[in-house]
Amino acid sequence: MRSFSDDTGRVWQADVIEASYGSMSMLFSRLGSFDVYQSPLAAGNRLSAEHEIAAFSEMELRTRLGEAELWPGSVG
C-alpha cells in the first residue's frame, strides 16, 4: 500500500486488489471519505502488482488516479 497526496493536498492510498479472471487492479481510496477508484495493472500476480505500485512515482500515482474509474457503489 502506498500513501500520496493529490494536487490539492488530499491524502490517498493506493492498494492492490485481485480483479476478475485473475487480473490485478489498483484501488485508490481517499482518507476521510468514501471515494474509491480503480485502475488496471499490468502485473499477473499480487506480488508483481505490489512491486509495480511501489515503483510508481507520486506523479504517476496522481496521473493514474486521474484516469481511474469510479468503483461501483462509491460516492465519488
C-alpha atoms as a PDB file:
ATOM      1  CA  MET A   1       0.000   0.000   0.000  1.00  0.00           C
ATOM      2  CA  ARG A   2       1.174   3.498  -0.835  1.00  0.00           C
ATOM      3  CA  SER A   3       0.024   6.835   0.501  1.00  0.00           C
ATOM      4  CA  PHE A   4       0.315  10.023  -1.539  1.00  0.00           C
ATOM      5  CA  SER A   5      -1.242  13.474  -1.866  1.00  0.00           C
ATOM      6  CA  ASP A   6      -3.159  14.705  -4.883  1.00  0.00           C
ATOM      7  CA  ASP A   7      -2.664  18.143  -6.426  1.00  0.00           C
ATOM      8  CA  THR A   8      -4.995  19.714  -3.842  1.00  0.00           C
ATOM      9  CA  GLY A   9      -3.277  18.128  -0.828  1.00  0.00           C
ATOM     10  CA  ARG A  10      -5.854  15.413  -0.142  1.00  0.00           C
ATOM     11  CA  VAL A  11      -4.293  12.138   1.019  1.00  0.00           C
ATOM     12  CA  TRP A  12      -4.974   8.943  -0.912  1.00  0.00           C
ATOM     13  CA  GLN A  13      -3.947   5.332  -0.502  1.00  0.00           C
ATOM     14  CA  ALA A  14      -3.213   3.006  -3.408  1.00  0.00           C
ATOM     15  CA  ASP A  15      -3.501  -0.733  -2.862  1.00  0.00           C
ATOM     16  CA  VAL A  16      -3.716  -3.939  -4.890  1.00  0.00           C
ATOM     17  CA  ILE A  17      -6.888  -5.928  -5.442  1.00  0.00           C
ATOM     18  CA  GLU A  18      -7.378  -9.128  -7.402  1.00  0.00           C
ATOM     19  CA  ALA A  19      -9.981  -8.421 -10.055  1.00  0.00           C
ATOM     20  CA  SER A  20     -11.964 -10.803 -12.231  1.00  0.00           C
ATOM     21  CA  TYR A  21     -10.303 -13.601 -14.190  1.00  0.00           C
ATOM     22  CA  GLY A  22      -7.048 -13.256 -12.240  1.00  0.00           C
ATOM     23  CA  SER A  23      -6.297  -9.723 -13.376  1.00  0.00           C
ATOM     24  CA  MET A  24      -4.880  -7.209 -10.922  1.00  0.00           C
ATOM     25  CA  SER A  25      -6.109  -3.685 -10.248  1.00  0.00           C
ATOM     26  CA  MET A  26      -5.071  -0.771  -8.092  1.00  0.00           C
ATOM     27  CA  LEU A  27      -7.661   0.736  -5.749  1.00  0.00           C
ATOM     28  CA  PHE A  28      -7.412   4.372  -4.746  1.00  0.00           C
ATOM     29  CA  SER A  29      -9.185   5.425  -1.569  1.00  0.00           C
ATOM     30  CA  ARG A  30      -9.215   8.956  -0.185  1.00  0.00           C
ATOM     31  CA  LEU A  31      -8.653   9.221   3.548  1.00  0.00           C
ATOM     32  CA  GLY A  32     -11.651  10.544   5.440  1.00  0.00           C
ATOM     33  CA  SER A  33     -14.108   9.851   2.631  1.00  0.00           C
ATOM     34  CA  PHE A  34     -15.863   7.086   0.754  1.00  0.00           C
ATOM     35  CA  ASP A  35     -14.183   7.989  -2.555  1.00  0.00           C
ATOM     36  CA  VAL A  36     -12.837   4.820  -4.193  1.00  0.00           C
ATOM     37  CA  TYR A  37     -11.475   4.455  -7.729  1.00  0.00           C
ATOM     38  CA  GLN A  38      -9.856   1.591  -9.602  1.00  0.00           C
ATOM     39  CA  SER A  39      -7.180   1.328 -12.262  1.00  0.00           C
ATOM     40  CA  PRO A  40      -5.948  -1.840 -14.005  1.00  0.00           C
ATOM     41  CA  LEU A  41      -2.383  -3.061 -13.516  1.00  0.00           C
ATOM     42  CA  ALA A  42      -0.205  -4.968 -15.974  1.00  0.00           C
ATOM     43  CA  ALA A  43       1.037  -7.369 -13.291  1.00  0.00           C
ATOM     44  CA  GLY A  44      -0.057 -11.001 -13.450  1.00  0.00           C
ATOM     45  CA  ASN A  45       0.008 -11.698  -9.712  1.00  0.00           C
ATOM     46  CA  ARG A  46      -0.277  -9.909  -6.369  1.00  0.00           C
ATOM     47  CA  LEU A  47       3.456  -9.752  -5.641  1.00  0.00           C
ATOM     48  CA  SER A  48       4.244  -8.274  -9.053  1.00  0.00           C
ATOM     49  CA  ALA A  49       1.379  -5.791  -8.626  1.00  0.00           C
ATOM     50  CA  GLU A  50       2.722  -4.677  -5.246  1.00  0.00           C
ATOM     51  CA  HIS A  51       6.165  -4.156  -6.794  1.00  0.00           C
ATOM     52  CA  GLU A  52       4.579  -2.215  -9.662  1.00  0.00           C
ATOM     53  CA  ILE A  53       2.830   0.165  -7.242  1.00  0.00           C
ATOM     54  CA  ALA A  54       5.991   0.554  -5.152  1.00  0.00           C
ATOM     55  CA  ALA A  55       7.911   1.619  -8.272  1.00  0.00           C
ATOM     56  CA  PHE A  56       5.416   4.334  -9.300  1.00  0.00           C
ATOM     57  CA  SER A  57       6.440   7.916  -8.637  1.00  0.00           C
ATOM     58  CA  GLU A  58       3.935  10.173  -6.899  1.00  0.00           C
ATOM     59  CA  MET A  59       3.358  11.898 -10.245  1.00  0.00           C
ATOM     60  CA  GLU A  60       2.499   8.529 -11.837  1.00  0.00           C
ATOM     61  CA  LEU A  61       0.110   7.736  -8.966  1.00  0.00           C
ATOM     62  CA  ARG A  62      -1.612  11.118  -9.450  1.00  0.00           C
ATOM     63  CA  THR A  63      -1.875  10.514 -13.198  1.00  0.00           C
ATOM     64  CA  ARG A  64      -3.339   7.039 -12.708  1.00  0.00           C
ATOM     65  CA  LEU A  65      -5.789   8.391 -10.121  1.00  0.00           C
ATOM     66  CA  GLY A  66      -6.929  10.987 -12.657  1.00  0.00           C
ATOM     67  CA  GLU A  67      -7.550   8.227 -15.218  1.00  0.00           C
ATOM     68  CA  ALA A  68      -9.122   5.741 -12.765  1.00  0.00           C
ATOM     69  CA  GLU A  69     -12.750   4.700 -12.894  1.00  0.00           C
ATOM     70  CA  LEU A  70     -15.148   5.149 -10.016  1.00  0.00           C
ATOM     71  CA  TRP A  71     -15.533   1.927  -8.014  1.00  0.00           C
ATOM     72  CA  PRO A  72     -19.143   0.652  -8.323  1.00  0.00           C
ATOM     73  CA  GLY A  73     -21.194   1.895  -5.377  1.00  0.00           C
ATOM     74  CA  SER A  74     -18.642   4.549  -4.400  1.00  0.00           C
ATOM     75  CA  VAL A  75     -19.723   8.087  -3.660  1.00  0.00           C
ATOM     76  CA  GLY A  76     -17.068   9.715  -5.859  1.00  0.00           C
END
